[in-house]
Amino acid sequence: MTPQPMNTPGQLTLRCDCGNLEVTAALPEQVTACNCGICRRYAALWAYYAPGEVTLRVGEAGVALWQRGDREIEFVRCARCGCVSHYRTLPDDPEPLIALNTRLAEPALTDIPVRQADNAWR
């Protein structure tokens, strides 16, 4: 297994378990725990960014995509180890967004406030 990166001050670095996917962005001020069906299953803590604020590196194994239900967003996971790194709005969305799964950060983000989003009805 590839060694996990350490976050540098002010920067968030996420990596899947096998090291095929790496995502970097500014350290968020807060993260969101959503309780909708898929977020609950992924147990993710999301940090939100504009696409230009995120750098994504994908290795040889590539990624797999999943569009759930209403097809407004697609979830991105490593095609090798299956870790969900982020979701993003679809290309035709007028307000593009990328949500990073901060559970992939090493070391874990423990000092950032968590906002609870009650979306269980979704």
PDB file of N, CA and C in Angstrom:
ATOM      1  N   MET A   1       0.839  -1.172   0.000  1.00  0.00           N
ATOM      2  CA  MET A   1       0.000   0.000   0.000  1.00  0.00           C
ATOM      3  C   MET A   1       0.887   1.239   0.000  1.00  0.00           C
ATOM      4  N   THR A   2       0.449   2.285  -0.696  1.00  0.00           N
ATOM      5  CA  THR A   2       1.180   3.537  -0.789  1.00  0.00           C
ATOM      6  C   THR A   2       1.061   4.305   0.519  1.00  0.00           C
ATOM      7  N   PRO A   3       2.146   4.933   1.004  1.00  0.00           N
ATOM      8  CA  PRO A   3       2.047   5.714   2.236  1.00  0.00           C
ATOM      9  C   PRO A   3       1.022   6.833   2.083  1.00  0.00           C
ATOM     10  N   GLN A   4       0.304   7.118   3.154  1.00  0.00           N
ATOM     11  CA  GLN A   4      -0.695   8.178   3.131  1.00  0.00           C
ATOM     12  C   GLN A   4      -0.028   9.542   3.277  1.00  0.00           C
ATOM     13  N   PRO A   5      -0.519  10.564   2.538  1.00  0.00           N
ATOM     14  CA  PRO A   5       0.069  11.891   2.645  1.00  0.00           C
ATOM     15  C   PRO A   5      -0.352  12.566   3.939  1.00  0.00           C
ATOM     16  N   MET A   6       0.462  13.447   4.406  1.00  0.00           N
ATOM     17  CA  MET A   6       0.103  14.280   5.546  1.00  0.00           C
ATOM     18  C   MET A   6      -0.443  15.583   4.979  1.00  0.00           C
ATOM     19  N   ASN A   7      -1.470  16.134   5.594  1.00  0.00           N
ATOM     20  CA  ASN A   7      -1.987  17.418   5.154  1.00  0.00           C
ATOM     21  C   ASN A   7      -0.999  18.506   5.526  1.00  0.00           C
ATOM     22  N   THR A   8      -0.715  19.391   4.582  1.00  0.00           N
ATOM     23  CA  THR A   8       0.124  20.537   4.875  1.00  0.00           C
ATOM     24  C   THR A   8      -0.778  21.631   5.419  1.00  0.00           C
ATOM     25  N   PRO A   9      -0.236  22.577   6.183  1.00  0.00           N
ATOM     26  CA  PRO A   9      -1.077  23.629   6.756  1.00  0.00           C
ATOM     27  C   PRO A   9      -1.907  24.340   5.678  1.00  0.00           C
ATOM     28  N   GLY A  10      -3.199  24.434   5.930  1.00  0.00           N
ATOM     29  CA  GLY A  10      -4.094  25.120   5.013  1.00  0.00           C
ATOM     30  C   GLY A  10      -4.514  24.309   3.803  1.00  0.00           C
ATOM     31  N   GLN A  11      -4.020  23.097   3.664  1.00  0.00           N
ATOM     32  CA  GLN A  11      -4.354  22.264   2.505  1.00  0.00           C
ATOM     33  C   GLN A  11      -4.942  20.933   2.946  1.00  0.00           C
ATOM     34  N   LEU A  12      -5.926  20.485   2.200  1.00  0.00           N
ATOM     35  CA  LEU A  12      -6.555  19.192   2.412  1.00  0.00           C
ATOM     36  C   LEU A  12      -6.070  18.243   1.322  1.00  0.00           C
ATOM     37  N   THR A  13      -5.557  17.091   1.704  1.00  0.00           N
ATOM     38  CA  THR A  13      -5.148  16.062   0.745  1.00  0.00           C
ATOM     39  C   THR A  13      -5.908  14.785   1.067  1.00  0.00           C
ATOM     40  N   LEU A  14      -6.606  14.273   0.068  1.00  0.00           N
ATOM     41  CA  LEU A  14      -7.372  13.039   0.206  1.00  0.00           C
ATOM     42  C   LEU A  14      -6.755  11.994  -0.701  1.00  0.00           C
ATOM     43  N   ARG A  15      -6.739  10.769  -0.242  1.00  0.00           N
ATOM     44  CA  ARG A  15      -6.215   9.684  -1.066  1.00  0.00           C
ATOM     45  C   ARG A  15      -7.036   8.431  -0.794  1.00  0.00           C
ATOM     46  N   CYS A  16      -7.341   7.703  -1.873  1.00  0.00           N
ATOM     47  CA  CYS A  16      -8.039   6.428  -1.706  1.00  0.00           C
ATOM     48  C   CYS A  16      -7.084   5.415  -1.090  1.00  0.00           C
ATOM     49  N   ASP A  17      -7.594   4.265  -0.720  1.00  0.00           N
ATOM     50  CA  ASP A  17      -6.801   3.266  -0.011  1.00  0.00           C
ATOM     51  C   ASP A  17      -5.608   2.761  -0.819  1.00  0.00           C
ATOM     52  N   CYS A  18      -5.769   2.608  -2.131  1.00  0.00           N
ATOM     53  CA  CYS A  18      -4.684   2.068  -2.958  1.00  0.00           C
ATOM     54  C   CYS A  18      -3.778   3.149  -3.542  1.00  0.00           C
ATOM     55  N   GLY A  19      -4.128   4.425  -3.375  1.00  0.00           N
ATOM     56  CA  GLY A  19      -3.294   5.512  -3.884  1.00  0.00           C
ATOM     57  C   GLY A  19      -3.558   5.879  -5.335  1.00  0.00           C
ATOM     58  N   ASN A  20      -4.531   5.262  -5.974  1.00  0.00           N
ATOM     59  CA  ASN A  20      -4.858   5.560  -7.366  1.00  0.00           C
ATOM     60  C   ASN A  20      -5.472   6.952  -7.534  1.00  0.00           C
ATOM     61  N   LEU A  21      -6.216   7.419  -6.545  1.00  0.00           N
ATOM     62  CA  LEU A  21      -6.864   8.735  -6.580  1.00  0.00           C
ATOM     63  C   LEU A  21      -6.271   9.631  -5.511  1.00  0.00           C
ATOM     64  N   GLU A  22      -5.970  10.867  -5.886  1.00  0.00           N
ATOM     65  CA  GLU A  22      -5.530  11.860  -4.905  1.00  0.00           C
ATOM     66  C   GLU A  22      -6.205  13.176  -5.242  1.00  0.00           C
ATOM     67  N   VAL A  23      -6.748  13.827  -4.238  1.00  0.00           N
ATOM     68  CA  VAL A  23      -7.469  15.079  -4.412  1.00  0.00           C
ATOM     69  C   VAL A  23      -6.904  16.093  -3.434  1.00  0.00           C
ATOM     70  N   THR A  24      -6.670  17.323  -3.906  1.00  0.00           N
ATOM     71  CA  THR A  24      -6.202  18.386  -3.016  1.00  0.00           C
ATOM     72  C   THR A  24      -7.082  19.617  -3.182  1.00  0.00           C
ATOM     73  N   ALA A  25      -7.221  20.349  -2.089  1.00  0.00           N
ATOM     74  CA  ALA A  25      -7.995  21.587  -2.054  1.00  0.00           C
ATOM     75  C   ALA A  25      -7.607  22.327  -0.781  1.00  0.00           C
ATOM     76  N   ALA A  26      -8.123  23.536  -0.632  1.00  0.00           N
ATOM     77  CA  ALA A  26      -7.901  24.285   0.603  1.00  0.00           C
ATOM     78  C   ALA A  26      -8.614  23.578   1.752  1.00  0.00           C
ATOM     79  N   LEU A  27      -8.056  23.679   2.929  1.00  0.00           N
ATOM     80  CA  LEU A  27      -8.670  23.092   4.118  1.00  0.00           C
ATOM     81  C   LEU A  27     -10.020  23.765   4.360  1.00  0.00           C
ATOM     82  N   PRO A  28     -11.098  23.002   4.536  1.00  0.00           N
ATOM     83  CA  PRO A  28     -12.414  23.615   4.730  1.00  0.00           C
ATOM     84  C   PRO A  28     -12.583  24.174   6.142  1.00  0.00           C
ATOM     85  N   GLU A  29     -13.502  25.140   6.272  1.00  0.00           N
ATOM     86  CA  GLU A  29     -13.822  25.680   7.593  1.00  0.00           C
ATOM     87  C   GLU A  29     -14.793  24.777   8.336  1.00  0.00           C
ATOM     88  N   GLN A  30     -15.591  24.002   7.584  1.00  0.00           N
ATOM     89  CA  GLN A  30     -16.511  23.038   8.176  1.00  0.00           C
ATOM     90  C   GLN A  30     -16.756  21.919   7.177  1.00  0.00           C
ATOM     91  N   VAL A  31     -17.281  20.818   7.662  1.00  0.00           N
ATOM     92  CA  VAL A  31     -17.681  19.705   6.803  1.00  0.00           C
ATOM     93  C   VAL A  31     -19.141  19.387   7.112  1.00  0.00           C
ATOM     94  N   THR A  32     -19.776  18.658   6.203  1.00  0.00           N
ATOM     95  CA  THR A  32     -21.192  18.351   6.351  1.00  0.00           C
ATOM     96  C   THR A  32     -21.412  16.846   6.434  1.00  0.00           C
ATOM     97  N   ALA A  33     -22.181  16.436   7.433  1.00  0.00           N
ATOM     98  CA  ALA A  33     -22.633  15.050   7.558  1.00  0.00           C
ATOM     99  C   ALA A  33     -24.086  15.023   7.111  1.00  0.00           C
ATOM    100  N   CYS A  34     -24.347  14.375   5.994  1.00  0.00           N
ATOM    101  CA  CYS A  34     -25.698  14.271   5.452  1.00  0.00           C
ATOM    102  C   CYS A  34     -26.257  12.900   5.809  1.00  0.00           C
ATOM    103  N   ASN A  35     -27.553  12.841   6.116  1.00  0.00           N
ATOM    104  CA  ASN A  35     -28.148  11.557   6.479  1.00  0.00           C
ATOM    105  C   ASN A  35     -29.080  11.008   5.405  1.00  0.00           C
ATOM    106  N   CYS A  36     -28.932  11.489   4.160  1.00  0.00           N
ATOM    107  CA  CYS A  36     -29.719  10.890   3.086  1.00  0.00           C
ATOM    108  C   CYS A  36     -29.235   9.453   2.880  1.00  0.00           C
ATOM    109  N   GLY A  37     -29.974   8.677   2.145  1.00  0.00           N
ATOM    110  CA  GLY A  37     -29.670   7.258   2.005  1.00  0.00           C
ATOM    111  C   GLY A  37     -28.259   6.952   1.552  1.00  0.00           C
ATOM    112  N   ILE A  38     -27.791   7.604   0.506  1.00  0.00           N
ATOM    113  CA  ILE A  38     -26.473   7.251  -0.018  1.00  0.00           C
ATOM    114  C   ILE A  38     -25.349   7.812   0.844  1.00  0.00           C
ATOM    115  N   CYS A  39     -25.498   9.030   1.354  1.00  0.00           N
ATOM    116  CA  CYS A  39     -24.449   9.601   2.212  1.00  0.00           C
ATOM    117  C   CYS A  39     -24.316   8.809   3.512  1.00  0.00           C
ATOM    118  N   ARG A  40     -25.441   8.363   4.038  1.00  0.00           N
ATOM    119  CA  ARG A  40     -25.408   7.520   5.240  1.00  0.00           C
ATOM    120  C   ARG A  40     -24.663   6.219   4.954  1.00  0.00           C
ATOM    121  N   ARG A  41     -24.915   5.637   3.798  1.00  0.00           N
ATOM    122  CA  ARG A  41     -24.228   4.389   3.438  1.00  0.00           C
ATOM    123  C   ARG A  41     -22.726   4.604   3.241  1.00  0.00           C
ATOM    124  N   TYR A  42     -22.356   5.735   2.645  1.00  0.00           N
ATOM    125  CA  TYR A  42     -20.933   6.036   2.437  1.00  0.00           C
ATOM    126  C   TYR A  42     -20.251   6.524   3.715  1.00  0.00           C
ATOM    127  N   ALA A  43     -21.027   6.976   4.697  1.00  0.00           N
ATOM    128  CA  ALA A  43     -20.492   7.529   5.949  1.00  0.00           C
ATOM    129  C   ALA A  43     -19.525   8.675   5.685  1.00  0.00           C
ATOM    130  N   ALA A  44     -19.853   9.489   4.698  1.00  0.00           N
ATOM    131  CA  ALA A  44     -18.964  10.576   4.275  1.00  0.00           C
ATOM    132  C   ALA A  44     -19.151  11.828   5.116  1.00  0.00           C
ATOM    133  N   LEU A  45     -18.105  12.629   5.166  1.00  0.00           N
ATOM    134  CA  LEU A  45     -18.154  14.005   5.658  1.00  0.00           C
ATOM    135  C   LEU A  45     -17.722  14.868   4.483  1.00  0.00           C
ATOM    136  N   TRP A  46     -18.634  15.685   3.967  1.00  0.00           N
ATOM    137  CA  TRP A  46     -18.402  16.417   2.725  1.00  0.00           C
ATOM    138  C   TRP A  46     -17.887  17.833   2.964  1.00  0.00           C
ATOM    139  N   ALA A  47     -16.956  18.260   2.118  1.00  0.00           N
ATOM    140  CA  ALA A  47     -16.497  19.651   2.053  1.00  0.00           C
ATOM    141  C   ALA A  47     -16.763  20.113   0.625  1.00  0.00           C
ATOM    142  N   TYR A  48     -17.319  21.322   0.463  1.00  0.00           N
ATOM    143  CA  TYR A  48     -17.822  21.777  -0.835  1.00  0.00           C
ATOM    144  C   TYR A  48     -16.904  22.813  -1.472  1.00  0.00           C
ATOM    145  N   TYR A  49     -16.731  22.679  -2.800  1.00  0.00           N
ATOM    146  CA  TYR A  49     -15.825  23.549  -3.554  1.00  0.00           C
ATOM    147  C   TYR A  49     -16.376  23.815  -4.948  1.00  0.00           C
ATOM    148  N   ALA A  50     -15.894  24.918  -5.543  1.00  0.00           N
ATOM    149  CA  ALA A  50     -16.082  25.143  -6.975  1.00  0.00           C
ATOM    150  C   ALA A  50     -15.065  24.251  -7.694  1.00  0.00           C
ATOM    151  N   PRO A  51     -15.364  23.773  -8.899  1.00  0.00           N
ATOM    152  CA  PRO A  51     -14.444  22.864  -9.587  1.00  0.00           C
ATOM    153  C   PRO A  51     -13.014  23.395  -9.720  1.00  0.00           C
ATOM    154  N   GLY A  52     -12.835  24.678  -9.932  1.00  0.00           N
ATOM    155  CA  GLY A  52     -11.500  25.246 -10.088  1.00  0.00           C
ATOM    156  C   GLY A  52     -10.678  25.268  -8.811  1.00  0.00           C
ATOM    157  N   GLU A  53     -11.298  24.966  -7.676  1.00  0.00           N
ATOM    158  CA  GLU A  53     -10.601  24.976  -6.389  1.00  0.00           C
ATOM    159  C   GLU A  53     -10.046  23.608  -6.003  1.00  0.00           C
ATOM    160  N   VAL A  54     -10.245  22.623  -6.858  1.00  0.00           N
ATOM    161  CA  VAL A  54      -9.881  21.238  -6.547  1.00  0.00           C
ATOM    162  C   VAL A  54      -8.915  20.701  -7.600  1.00  0.00           C
ATOM    163  N   THR A  55      -7.890  19.986  -7.148  1.00  0.00           N
ATOM    164  CA  THR A  55      -6.977  19.296  -8.062  1.00  0.00           C
ATOM    165  C   THR A  55      -7.167  17.796  -7.876  1.00  0.00           C
ATOM    166  N   LEU A  56      -7.390  17.099  -8.971  1.00  0.00           N
ATOM    167  CA  LEU A  56      -7.635  15.661  -8.945  1.00  0.00           C
ATOM    168  C   LEU A  56      -6.563  14.950  -9.759  1.00  0.00           C
ATOM    169  N   ARG A  57      -5.950  13.942  -9.154  1.00  0.00           N
ATOM    170  CA  ARG A  57      -4.984  13.101  -9.865  1.00  0.00           C
ATOM    171  C   ARG A  57      -5.548  11.684  -9.875  1.00  0.00           C
ATOM    172  N   VAL A  58      -5.651  11.118 -11.077  1.00  0.00           N
ATOM    173  CA  VAL A  58      -6.186   9.768 -11.237  1.00  0.00           C
ATOM    174  C   VAL A  58      -5.107   8.886 -11.849  1.00  0.00           C
ATOM    175  N   GLY A  59      -4.841   7.755 -11.220  1.00  0.00           N
ATOM    176  CA  GLY A  59      -3.846   6.810 -11.711  1.00  0.00           C
ATOM    177  C   GLY A  59      -4.387   5.888 -12.790  1.00  0.00           C
ATOM    178  N   GLU A  60      -3.596   4.889 -13.125  1.00  0.00           N
ATOM    179  CA  GLU A  60      -3.914   3.952 -14.209  1.00  0.00           C
ATOM    180  C   GLU A  60      -5.234   3.220 -14.032  1.00  0.00           C
ATOM    181  N   ALA A  61      -5.614   2.925 -12.810  1.00  0.00           N
ATOM    182  CA  ALA A  61      -6.842   2.149 -12.577  1.00  0.00           C
ATOM    183  C   ALA A  61      -8.096   2.927 -12.939  1.00  0.00           C
ATOM    184  N   GLY A  62      -8.017   4.249 -12.973  1.00  0.00           N
ATOM    185  CA  GLY A  62      -9.164   5.062 -13.345  1.00  0.00           C
ATOM    186  C   GLY A  62     -10.202   5.174 -12.242  1.00  0.00           C
ATOM    187  N   VAL A  63     -11.379   5.646 -12.632  1.00  0.00           N
ATOM    188  CA  VAL A  63     -12.473   5.848 -11.688  1.00  0.00           C
ATOM    189  C   VAL A  63     -13.732   5.159 -12.208  1.00  0.00           C
ATOM    190  N   ALA A  64     -14.669   4.969 -11.319  1.00  0.00           N
ATOM    191  CA  ALA A  64     -16.003   4.482 -11.667  1.00  0.00           C
ATOM    192  C   ALA A  64     -16.989   5.545 -11.209  1.00  0.00           C
ATOM    193  N   LEU A  65     -18.067   5.733 -11.968  1.00  0.00           N
ATOM    194  CA  LEU A  65     -19.050   6.777 -11.683  1.00  0.00           C
ATOM    195  C   LEU A  65     -20.400   6.150 -11.354  1.00  0.00           C
ATOM    196  N   TRP A  66     -21.154   6.845 -10.507  1.00  0.00           N
ATOM    197  CA  TRP A  66     -22.494   6.393 -10.136  1.00  0.00           C
ATOM    198  C   TRP A  66     -23.402   7.610 -10.055  1.00  0.00           C
ATOM    199  N   GLN A  67     -24.467   7.612 -10.868  1.00  0.00           N
ATOM    200  CA  GLN A  67     -25.482   8.658 -10.795  1.00  0.00           C
ATOM    201  C   GLN A  67     -26.701   8.054 -10.127  1.00  0.00           C
ATOM    202  N   ARG A  68     -27.081   8.638  -9.010  1.00  0.00           N
ATOM    203  CA  ARG A  68     -28.166   8.078  -8.208  1.00  0.00           C
ATOM    204  C   ARG A  68     -29.486   8.781  -8.514  1.00  0.00           C
ATOM    205  N   GLY A  69     -30.561   8.037  -8.488  1.00  0.00           N
ATOM    206  CA  GLY A  69     -31.921   8.560  -8.514  1.00  0.00           C
ATOM    207  C   GLY A  69     -32.198   9.634  -9.537  1.00  0.00           C
ATOM    208  N   ASP A  70     -32.210  10.884  -9.089  1.00  0.00           N
ATOM    209  CA  ASP A  70     -32.612  12.004  -9.936  1.00  0.00           C
ATOM    210  C   ASP A  70     -31.537  12.437 -10.926  1.00  0.00           C
ATOM    211  N   ARG A  71     -30.387  11.813 -10.911  1.00  0.00           N
ATOM    212  CA  ARG A  71     -29.304  12.056 -11.870  1.00  0.00           C
ATOM    213  C   ARG A  71     -28.838  13.514 -11.897  1.00  0.00           C
ATOM    214  N   GLU A  72     -28.785  14.140 -10.734  1.00  0.00           N
ATOM    215  CA  GLU A  72     -28.301  15.515 -10.644  1.00  0.00           C
ATOM    216  C   GLU A  72     -26.825  15.584 -10.301  1.00  0.00           C
ATOM    217  N   ILE A  73     -26.309  14.533  -9.687  1.00  0.00           N
ATOM    218  CA  ILE A  73     -24.896  14.480  -9.318  1.00  0.00           C
ATOM    219  C   ILE A  73     -24.353  13.094  -9.641  1.00  0.00           C
ATOM    220  N   GLU A  74     -23.015  13.019  -9.756  1.00  0.00           N
ATOM    221  CA  GLU A  74     -22.403  11.706  -9.922  1.00  0.00           C
ATOM    222  C   GLU A  74     -21.328  11.520  -8.871  1.00  0.00           C
ATOM    223  N   PHE A  75     -21.332  10.339  -8.286  1.00  0.00           N
ATOM    224  CA  PHE A  75     -20.345   9.966  -7.282  1.00  0.00           C
ATOM    225  C   PHE A  75     -19.157   9.338  -7.996  1.00  0.00           C
ATOM    226  N   VAL A  76     -17.959   9.679  -7.525  1.00  0.00           N
ATOM    227  CA  VAL A  76     -16.722   9.194  -8.136  1.00  0.00           C
ATOM    228  C   VAL A  76     -16.001   8.326  -7.113  1.00  0.00           C
ATOM    229  N   ARG A  77     -15.620   7.138  -7.548  1.00  0.00           N
ATOM    230  CA  ARG A  77     -14.878   6.233  -6.670  1.00  0.00           C
ATOM    231  C   ARG A  77     -13.713   5.639  -7.441  1.00  0.00           C
ATOM    232  N   CYS A  78     -12.727   5.179  -6.713  1.00  0.00           N
ATOM    233  CA  CYS A  78     -11.584   4.509  -7.316  1.00  0.00           C
ATOM    234  C   CYS A  78     -12.057   3.196  -7.935  1.00  0.00           C
ATOM    235  N   ALA A  79     -11.666   2.952  -9.172  1.00  0.00           N
ATOM    236  CA  ALA A  79     -12.064   1.716  -9.845  1.00  0.00           C
ATOM    237  C   ALA A  79     -11.328   0.500  -9.287  1.00  0.00           C
ATOM    238  N   ARG A  80     -10.250   0.717  -8.553  1.00  0.00           N
ATOM    239  CA  ARG A  80      -9.498  -0.414  -7.988  1.00  0.00           C
ATOM    240  C   ARG A  80      -9.976  -0.751  -6.577  1.00  0.00           C
ATOM    241  N   CYS A  81      -9.905   0.197  -5.644  1.00  0.00           N
ATOM    242  CA  CYS A  81     -10.206  -0.119  -4.236  1.00  0.00           C
ATOM    243  C   CYS A  81     -11.622   0.272  -3.809  1.00  0.00           C
ATOM    244  N   GLY A  82     -12.315   1.073  -4.605  1.00  0.00           N
ATOM    245  CA  GLY A  82     -13.708   1.394  -4.328  1.00  0.00           C
ATOM    246  C   GLY A  82     -13.964   2.581  -3.424  1.00  0.00           C
ATOM    247  N   CYS A  83     -12.931   3.264  -2.939  1.00  0.00           N
ATOM    248  CA  CYS A  83     -13.143   4.418  -2.058  1.00  0.00           C
ATOM    249  C   CYS A  83     -13.846   5.548  -2.809  1.00  0.00           C
ATOM    250  N   VAL A  84     -14.894   6.109  -2.214  1.00  0.00           N
ATOM    251  CA  VAL A  84     -15.611   7.243  -2.796  1.00  0.00           C
ATOM    252  C   VAL A  84     -14.857   8.509  -2.421  1.00  0.00           C
ATOM    253  N   SER A  85     -14.320   9.187  -3.424  1.00  0.00           N
ATOM    254  CA  SER A  85     -13.518  10.385  -3.167  1.00  0.00           C
ATOM    255  C   SER A  85     -14.347  11.657  -3.187  1.00  0.00           C
ATOM    256  N   HIS A  86     -15.357  11.711  -4.063  1.00  0.00           N
ATOM    257  CA  HIS A  86     -16.132  12.940  -4.183  1.00  0.00           C
ATOM    258  C   HIS A  86     -17.392  12.702  -5.009  1.00  0.00           C
ATOM    259  N   TYR A  87     -18.241  13.712  -4.988  1.00  0.00           N
ATOM    260  CA  TYR A  87     -19.315  13.752  -5.968  1.00  0.00           C
ATOM    261  C   TYR A  87     -19.262  15.104  -6.633  1.00  0.00           C
ATOM    262  N   ARG A  88     -19.868  15.182  -7.810  1.00  0.00           N
ATOM    263  CA  ARG A  88     -19.853  16.434  -8.570  1.00  0.00           C
ATOM    264  C   ARG A  88     -21.169  16.582  -9.305  1.00  0.00           C
ATOM    265  N   THR A  89     -21.512  17.839  -9.553  1.00  0.00           N
ATOM    266  CA  THR A  89     -22.692  18.099 -10.358  1.00  0.00           C
ATOM    267  C   THR A  89     -22.382  17.696 -11.797  1.00  0.00           C
ATOM    268  N   LEU A  90     -23.411  17.461 -12.572  1.00  0.00           N
ATOM    269  CA  LEU A  90     -23.231  17.075 -13.968  1.00  0.00           C
ATOM    270  C   LEU A  90     -22.823  18.287 -14.801  1.00  0.00           C
ATOM    271  N   PRO A  91     -22.204  18.069 -15.965  1.00  0.00           N
ATOM    272  CA  PRO A  91     -21.656  19.177 -16.755  1.00  0.00           C
ATOM    273  C   PRO A  91     -22.649  20.273 -17.127  1.00  0.00           C
ATOM    274  N   ASP A  92     -23.931  19.961 -17.279  1.00  0.00           N
ATOM    275  CA  ASP A  92     -24.902  20.986 -17.676  1.00  0.00           C
ATOM    276  C   ASP A  92     -25.483  21.762 -16.494  1.00  0.00           C
ATOM    277  N   ASP A  93     -25.031  21.504 -15.288  1.00  0.00           N
ATOM    278  CA  ASP A  93     -25.537  22.212 -14.108  1.00  0.00           C
ATOM    279  C   ASP A  93     -25.063  23.664 -14.138  1.00  0.00           C
ATOM    280  N   PRO A  94     -25.966  24.638 -13.945  1.00  0.00           N
ATOM    281  CA  PRO A  94     -25.561  26.046 -13.980  1.00  0.00           C
ATOM    282  C   PRO A  94     -24.705  26.470 -12.780  1.00  0.00           C
ATOM    283  N   GLU A  95     -24.734  25.701 -11.708  1.00  0.00           N
ATOM    284  CA  GLU A  95     -23.922  26.005 -10.528  1.00  0.00           C
ATOM    285  C   GLU A  95     -23.034  24.806 -10.205  1.00  0.00           C
ATOM    286  N   PRO A  96     -21.913  24.655 -10.926  1.00  0.00           N
ATOM    287  CA  PRO A  96     -21.057  23.483 -10.713  1.00  0.00           C
ATOM    288  C   PRO A  96     -20.507  23.413  -9.295  1.00  0.00           C
ATOM    289  N   LEU A  97     -20.409  22.194  -8.789  1.00  0.00           N
ATOM    290  CA  LEU A  97     -19.989  21.958  -7.411  1.00  0.00           C
ATOM    291  C   LEU A  97     -19.259  20.627  -7.333  1.00  0.00           C
ATOM    292  N   ILE A  98     -18.249  20.578  -6.472  1.00  0.00           N
ATOM    293  CA  ILE A  98     -17.586  19.322  -6.132  1.00  0.00           C
ATOM    294  C   ILE A  98     -17.616  19.197  -4.618  1.00  0.00           C
ATOM    295  N   ALA A  99     -18.052  18.044  -4.133  1.00  0.00           N
ATOM    296  CA  ALA A  99     -18.067  17.762  -2.695  1.00  0.00           C
ATOM    297  C   ALA A  99     -17.039  16.674  -2.425  1.00  0.00           C
ATOM    298  N   LEU A 100     -16.042  16.986  -1.608  1.00  0.00           N
ATOM    299  CA  LEU A 100     -14.969  16.044  -1.310  1.00  0.00           C
ATOM    300  C   LEU A 100     -15.281  15.260  -0.043  1.00  0.00           C
ATOM    301  N   ASN A 101     -15.024  13.972  -0.082  1.00  0.00           N
ATOM    302  CA  ASN A 101     -15.230  13.100   1.071  1.00  0.00           C
ATOM    303  C   ASN A 101     -14.006  13.205   1.981  1.00  0.00           C
ATOM    304  N   THR A 102     -14.107  14.026   2.996  1.00  0.00           N
ATOM    305  CA  THR A 102     -12.954  14.286   3.865  1.00  0.00           C
ATOM    306  C   THR A 102     -12.586  13.096   4.745  1.00  0.00           C
ATOM    307  N   ARG A 103     -13.379  12.041   4.722  1.00  0.00           N
ATOM    308  CA  ARG A 103     -13.006  10.819   5.451  1.00  0.00           C
ATOM    309  C   ARG A 103     -11.752  10.175   4.856  1.00  0.00           C
ATOM    310  N   LEU A 104     -11.359  10.592   3.648  1.00  0.00           N
ATOM    311  CA  LEU A 104     -10.158  10.051   3.015  1.00  0.00           C
ATOM    312  C   LEU A 104      -8.898  10.823   3.397  1.00  0.00           C
ATOM    313  N   ALA A 105      -9.011  11.793   4.294  1.00  0.00           N
ATOM    314  CA  ALA A 105      -7.845  12.574   4.726  1.00  0.00           C
ATOM    315  C   ALA A 105      -7.034  11.796   5.750  1.00  0.00           C
ATOM    316  N   GLU A 106      -5.725  11.904   5.647  1.00  0.00           N
ATOM    317  CA  GLU A 106      -4.801  11.347   6.642  1.00  0.00           C
ATOM    318  C   GLU A 106      -3.832  12.443   7.039  1.00  0.00           C
ATOM    319  N   PRO A 107      -3.720  12.775   8.294  1.00  0.00           N
ATOM    320  CA  PRO A 107      -4.507  12.217   9.391  1.00  0.00           C
ATOM    321  C   PRO A 107      -5.950  12.704   9.314  1.00  0.00           C
ATOM    322  N   ALA A 108      -6.818  12.060  10.053  1.00  0.00           N
ATOM    323  CA  ALA A 108      -8.233  12.414  10.052  1.00  0.00           C
ATOM    324  C   ALA A 108      -8.420  13.856  10.503  1.00  0.00           C
ATOM    325  N   LEU A 109      -9.421  14.507   9.922  1.00  0.00           N
ATOM    326  CA  LEU A 109      -9.743  15.879  10.311  1.00  0.00           C
ATOM    327  C   LEU A 109     -10.584  15.826  11.581  1.00  0.00           C
ATOM    328  N   THR A 110     -10.010  16.222  12.697  1.00  0.00           N
ATOM    329  CA  THR A 110     -10.728  16.118  13.968  1.00  0.00           C
ATOM    330  C   THR A 110     -11.102  17.467  14.558  1.00  0.00           C
ATOM    331  N   ASP A 111     -10.514  18.541  14.069  1.00  0.00           N
ATOM    332  CA  ASP A 111     -10.748  19.856  14.662  1.00  0.00           C
ATOM    333  C   ASP A 111     -11.640  20.751  13.818  1.00  0.00           C
ATOM    334  N   ILE A 112     -12.327  20.203  12.836  1.00  0.00           N
ATOM    335  CA  ILE A 112     -13.178  20.997  11.957  1.00  0.00           C
ATOM    336  C   ILE A 112     -14.634  20.765  12.348  1.00  0.00           C
ATOM    337  N   PRO A 113     -15.414  21.841  12.517  1.00  0.00           N
ATOM    338  CA  PRO A 113     -16.823  21.680  12.888  1.00  0.00           C
ATOM    339  C   PRO A 113     -17.597  20.866  11.847  1.00  0.00           C
ATOM    340  N   VAL A 114     -18.541  20.066  12.347  1.00  0.00           N
ATOM    341  CA  VAL A 114     -19.380  19.236  11.482  1.00  0.00           C
ATOM    342  C   VAL A 114     -20.798  19.788  11.506  1.00  0.00           C
ATOM    343  N   ARG A 115     -21.308  20.141  10.327  1.00  0.00           N
ATOM    344  CA  ARG A 115     -22.687  20.598  10.168  1.00  0.00           C
ATOM    345  C   ARG A 115     -23.540  19.383   9.829  1.00  0.00           C
ATOM    346  N   GLN A 116     -24.665  19.212  10.514  1.00  0.00           N
ATOM    347  CA  GLN A 116     -25.582  18.099  10.262  1.00  0.00           C
ATOM    348  C   GLN A 116     -26.629  18.540   9.245  1.00  0.00           C
ATOM    349  N   ALA A 117     -26.762  17.820   8.146  1.00  0.00           N
ATOM    350  CA  ALA A 117     -27.771  18.112   7.124  1.00  0.00           C
ATOM    351  C   ALA A 117     -28.832  17.019   7.182  1.00  0.00           C
ATOM    352  N   ASP A 118     -30.063  17.400   7.491  1.00  0.00           N
ATOM    353  CA  ASP A 118     -31.148  16.430   7.620  1.00  0.00           C
ATOM    354  C   ASP A 118     -31.832  16.236   6.270  1.00  0.00           C
ATOM    355  N   ASN A 119     -31.340  15.295   5.504  1.00  0.00           N
ATOM    356  CA  ASN A 119     -31.894  14.991   4.187  1.00  0.00           C
ATOM    357  C   ASN A 119     -32.394  13.558   4.112  1.00  0.00           C
ATOM    358  N   ALA A 120     -32.806  13.004   5.239  1.00  0.00           N
ATOM    359  CA  ALA A 120     -33.224  11.601   5.288  1.00  0.00           C
ATOM    360  C   ALA A 120     -34.430  11.327   4.398  1.00  0.00           C
ATOM    361  N   TRP A 121     -35.185  12.339   4.068  1.00  0.00           N
ATOM    362  CA  TRP A 121     -36.352  12.158   3.206  1.00  0.00           C
ATOM    363  C   TRP A 121     -35.955  11.870   1.768  1.00  0.00           C
ATOM    364  N   ARG A 122     -34.699  12.109   1.401  1.00  0.00           N
ATOM    365  CA  ARG A 122     -34.258  11.911   0.011  1.00  0.00           C
ATOM    366  C   ARG A 122     -34.001  10.467  -0.267  1.00  0.00           C
TER     367      ARG A 122
END
